[in-house]
């Protein structure tokens, strides 16, 4: 996945260099590269975020120690 993203950045960077003005080049790079790749990495990173959250919760529970049952 990362190699595809690097290749896409390269292609869009070359597209941006061919624009007639600097502003058009920046807009091309932003709208064709930064925005789509940001969305893609956010969507594909959701599994990692879930696993990291679960690991943090498990570590917190282990630090707190075993739970005692409520006394009647």
N, C-alpha and C. Protein backbone atom coordinates (compact mmCIF):
# COMPACT_ATOMS: atom_id res chain seq x y z
N UNK A 1 0.83 -1.19 0.00
CA UNK A 1 0.00 0.00 0.00
C UNK A 1 0.88 1.25 0.00
N UNK A 2 1.95 1.21 0.76
CA UNK A 2 2.81 2.38 0.85
C UNK A 2 3.51 2.67 -0.48
N UNK A 3 3.89 1.64 -1.21
CA UNK A 3 4.55 1.86 -2.50
C UNK A 3 3.59 2.51 -3.49
N UNK A 4 2.31 2.17 -3.42
CA UNK A 4 1.31 2.78 -4.29
C UNK A 4 1.15 4.26 -3.93
N UNK A 5 1.14 4.56 -2.64
CA UNK A 5 1.01 5.95 -2.20
C UNK A 5 2.23 6.77 -2.65
N UNK A 6 3.42 6.22 -2.53
CA UNK A 6 4.62 6.92 -2.95
C UNK A 6 4.60 7.16 -4.47
N UNK A 7 4.16 6.17 -5.22
CA UNK A 7 4.06 6.33 -6.68
C UNK A 7 3.03 7.39 -7.03
N UNK A 8 1.91 7.40 -6.33
CA UNK A 8 0.88 8.41 -6.58
C UNK A 8 1.40 9.82 -6.26
N UNK A 9 2.13 9.95 -5.18
CA UNK A 9 2.72 11.25 -4.83
C UNK A 9 3.66 11.70 -5.96
N UNK A 10 4.45 10.79 -6.48
CA UNK A 10 5.38 11.12 -7.56
C UNK A 10 4.63 11.60 -8.80
N UNK A 11 3.59 10.89 -9.18
CA UNK A 11 2.82 11.24 -10.37
C UNK A 11 2.17 12.61 -10.20
N UNK A 12 1.56 12.84 -9.05
CA UNK A 12 0.88 14.12 -8.83
C UNK A 12 1.90 15.25 -8.72
N UNK A 13 3.05 14.98 -8.16
CA UNK A 13 4.08 16.00 -8.09
C UNK A 13 4.52 16.42 -9.50
N UNK A 14 4.68 15.45 -10.39
CA UNK A 14 5.01 15.78 -11.77
C UNK A 14 3.88 16.56 -12.45
N UNK A 15 2.64 16.19 -12.15
CA UNK A 15 1.50 16.95 -12.68
C UNK A 15 1.53 18.39 -12.17
N UNK A 16 1.85 18.56 -10.89
CA UNK A 16 1.87 19.90 -10.31
C UNK A 16 2.97 20.75 -10.93
N UNK A 17 4.10 20.14 -11.27
CA UNK A 17 5.19 20.89 -11.88
C UNK A 17 4.83 21.41 -13.28
N UNK A 18 3.90 20.74 -13.95
CA UNK A 18 3.54 21.17 -15.31
C UNK A 18 2.47 22.25 -15.32
N UNK A 19 1.93 22.61 -14.18
CA UNK A 19 0.92 23.66 -14.14
C UNK A 19 1.55 25.01 -14.49
N UNK A 20 0.76 25.91 -15.09
CA UNK A 20 1.34 27.19 -15.53
C UNK A 20 1.70 28.15 -14.39
N UNK A 21 1.02 28.06 -13.25
CA UNK A 21 1.33 28.96 -12.13
C UNK A 21 1.62 28.15 -10.88
N UNK A 22 2.27 28.79 -9.94
CA UNK A 22 2.59 28.13 -8.67
C UNK A 22 1.32 27.81 -7.90
N UNK A 23 0.37 28.72 -7.92
CA UNK A 23 -0.89 28.49 -7.19
C UNK A 23 -1.63 27.29 -7.76
N UNK A 24 -1.66 27.17 -9.08
CA UNK A 24 -2.31 26.02 -9.71
C UNK A 24 -1.58 24.72 -9.35
N UNK A 25 -0.26 24.77 -9.27
CA UNK A 25 0.51 23.59 -8.89
C UNK A 25 0.23 23.18 -7.45
N UNK A 26 0.15 24.16 -6.57
CA UNK A 26 -0.16 23.85 -5.17
C UNK A 26 -1.56 23.28 -5.04
N UNK A 27 -2.51 23.86 -5.76
CA UNK A 27 -3.89 23.35 -5.71
C UNK A 27 -3.97 21.94 -6.29
N UNK A 28 -3.27 21.70 -7.38
CA UNK A 28 -3.26 20.36 -7.97
C UNK A 28 -2.70 19.35 -6.98
N UNK A 29 -1.57 19.68 -6.37
CA UNK A 29 -0.97 18.76 -5.41
C UNK A 29 -1.88 18.53 -4.21
N UNK A 30 -2.50 19.59 -3.73
CA UNK A 30 -3.38 19.47 -2.56
C UNK A 30 -4.62 18.65 -2.86
N UNK A 31 -5.28 18.95 -3.98
CA UNK A 31 -6.56 18.31 -4.27
C UNK A 31 -6.42 16.91 -4.85
N UNK A 32 -5.32 16.62 -5.53
CA UNK A 32 -5.14 15.29 -6.12
C UNK A 32 -4.28 14.37 -5.27
N UNK A 33 -3.55 14.92 -4.30
CA UNK A 33 -2.63 14.09 -3.54
C UNK A 33 -2.90 14.13 -2.05
N UNK A 34 -2.80 15.29 -1.46
CA UNK A 34 -2.88 15.40 0.00
C UNK A 34 -4.25 14.98 0.51
N UNK A 35 -5.29 15.53 -0.07
CA UNK A 35 -6.65 15.23 0.40
C UNK A 35 -7.03 13.75 0.20
N UNK A 36 -6.89 13.20 -1.02
CA UNK A 36 -7.26 11.78 -1.19
C UNK A 36 -6.42 10.81 -0.36
N UNK A 37 -5.11 11.05 -0.29
CA UNK A 37 -4.26 10.15 0.49
C UNK A 37 -4.55 10.28 1.99
N UNK A 38 -4.86 11.48 2.44
CA UNK A 38 -5.24 11.66 3.84
C UNK A 38 -6.49 10.87 4.19
N UNK A 39 -7.48 10.94 3.32
CA UNK A 39 -8.72 10.19 3.54
C UNK A 39 -8.44 8.69 3.48
N UNK A 40 -7.64 8.27 2.51
CA UNK A 40 -7.33 6.84 2.37
C UNK A 40 -6.60 6.30 3.60
N UNK A 41 -5.59 7.03 4.07
CA UNK A 41 -4.85 6.57 5.24
C UNK A 41 -5.71 6.60 6.50
N UNK A 42 -6.62 7.55 6.60
CA UNK A 42 -7.53 7.58 7.75
C UNK A 42 -8.45 6.36 7.74
N UNK A 43 -9.01 6.04 6.57
CA UNK A 43 -9.93 4.91 6.48
C UNK A 43 -9.22 3.57 6.69
N UNK A 44 -8.03 3.43 6.14
CA UNK A 44 -7.33 2.15 6.28
C UNK A 44 -6.67 2.00 7.65
N UNK A 45 -6.53 3.08 8.40
CA UNK A 45 -5.92 3.01 9.72
C UNK A 45 -6.91 2.75 10.83
N UNK A 46 -8.19 2.58 10.51
CA UNK A 46 -9.19 2.40 11.57
C UNK A 46 -8.97 1.10 12.34
N UNK A 47 -8.53 0.05 11.68
CA UNK A 47 -8.26 -1.21 12.37
C UNK A 47 -7.12 -1.07 13.37
N UNK A 48 -6.08 -0.35 12.97
CA UNK A 48 -4.95 -0.12 13.89
C UNK A 48 -5.39 0.69 15.10
N UNK A 49 -6.23 1.69 14.88
CA UNK A 49 -6.70 2.50 16.00
C UNK A 49 -7.54 1.66 16.96
N UNK A 50 -8.38 0.77 16.43
CA UNK A 50 -9.19 -0.10 17.29
C UNK A 50 -8.30 -1.04 18.11
N UNK A 51 -7.30 -1.61 17.46
CA UNK A 51 -6.39 -2.51 18.19
C UNK A 51 -5.61 -1.76 19.26
N UNK A 52 -5.16 -0.56 18.96
CA UNK A 52 -4.41 0.23 19.93
C UNK A 52 -5.31 0.60 21.12
N UNK A 53 -6.57 0.95 20.85
CA UNK A 53 -7.49 1.29 21.92
C UNK A 53 -7.76 0.07 22.81
N UNK A 54 -7.94 -1.08 22.19
CA UNK A 54 -8.18 -2.30 22.96
C UNK A 54 -6.96 -2.65 23.81
N UNK A 55 -5.76 -2.46 23.27
CA UNK A 55 -4.54 -2.75 24.02
C UNK A 55 -4.40 -1.80 25.21
N UNK A 56 -4.74 -0.53 25.03
CA UNK A 56 -4.68 0.43 26.14
C UNK A 56 -5.68 0.06 27.23
N UNK A 57 -6.90 -0.33 26.82
CA UNK A 57 -7.91 -0.72 27.81
C UNK A 57 -7.47 -1.96 28.58
N UNK A 58 -6.88 -2.93 27.88
CA UNK A 58 -6.41 -4.14 28.54
C UNK A 58 -5.28 -3.82 29.51
N UNK A 59 -4.37 -2.95 29.12
CA UNK A 59 -3.27 -2.57 30.02
C UNK A 59 -3.81 -1.84 31.25
N UNK A 60 -4.81 -1.01 31.06
CA UNK A 60 -5.41 -0.31 32.20
C UNK A 60 -6.08 -1.28 33.15
N UNK A 61 -6.78 -2.26 32.62
CA UNK A 61 -7.44 -3.25 33.47
C UNK A 61 -6.42 -4.10 34.22
N UNK A 62 -5.31 -4.42 33.57
CA UNK A 62 -4.28 -5.24 34.22
C UNK A 62 -3.58 -4.46 35.32
N UNK A 63 -3.41 -3.16 35.16
CA UNK A 63 -2.79 -2.35 36.17
C UNK A 63 -3.70 -2.18 37.38
N UNK A 64 -4.99 -2.14 37.16
CA UNK A 64 -5.93 -1.96 38.24
C UNK A 64 -6.00 -3.19 39.13
N UNK A 65 -5.63 -4.31 38.63
CA UNK A 65 -5.66 -5.55 39.42
C UNK A 65 -6.98 -6.28 39.23
N UNK A 66 -7.07 -7.47 39.86
CA UNK A 66 -8.31 -8.24 39.68
C UNK A 66 -9.48 -7.57 40.38
N UNK A 67 -10.63 -7.68 39.75
CA UNK A 67 -11.83 -7.11 40.32
C UNK A 67 -12.38 -8.06 41.39
N UNK A 68 -12.84 -7.47 42.48
CA UNK A 68 -13.47 -8.29 43.51
C UNK A 68 -14.98 -8.30 43.28
N UNK A 69 -15.62 -9.42 43.50
CA UNK A 69 -17.06 -9.45 43.35
C UNK A 69 -17.71 -8.60 44.46
N UNK A 70 -18.85 -8.01 44.18
CA UNK A 70 -19.51 -7.18 45.20
C UNK A 70 -19.97 -8.05 46.37
N UNK A 71 -19.78 -7.52 47.58
CA UNK A 71 -20.20 -8.27 48.76
C UNK A 71 -21.66 -8.02 49.04
N UNK A 72 -22.35 -9.07 49.41
CA UNK A 72 -23.79 -8.95 49.66
C UNK A 72 -24.08 -8.66 51.11
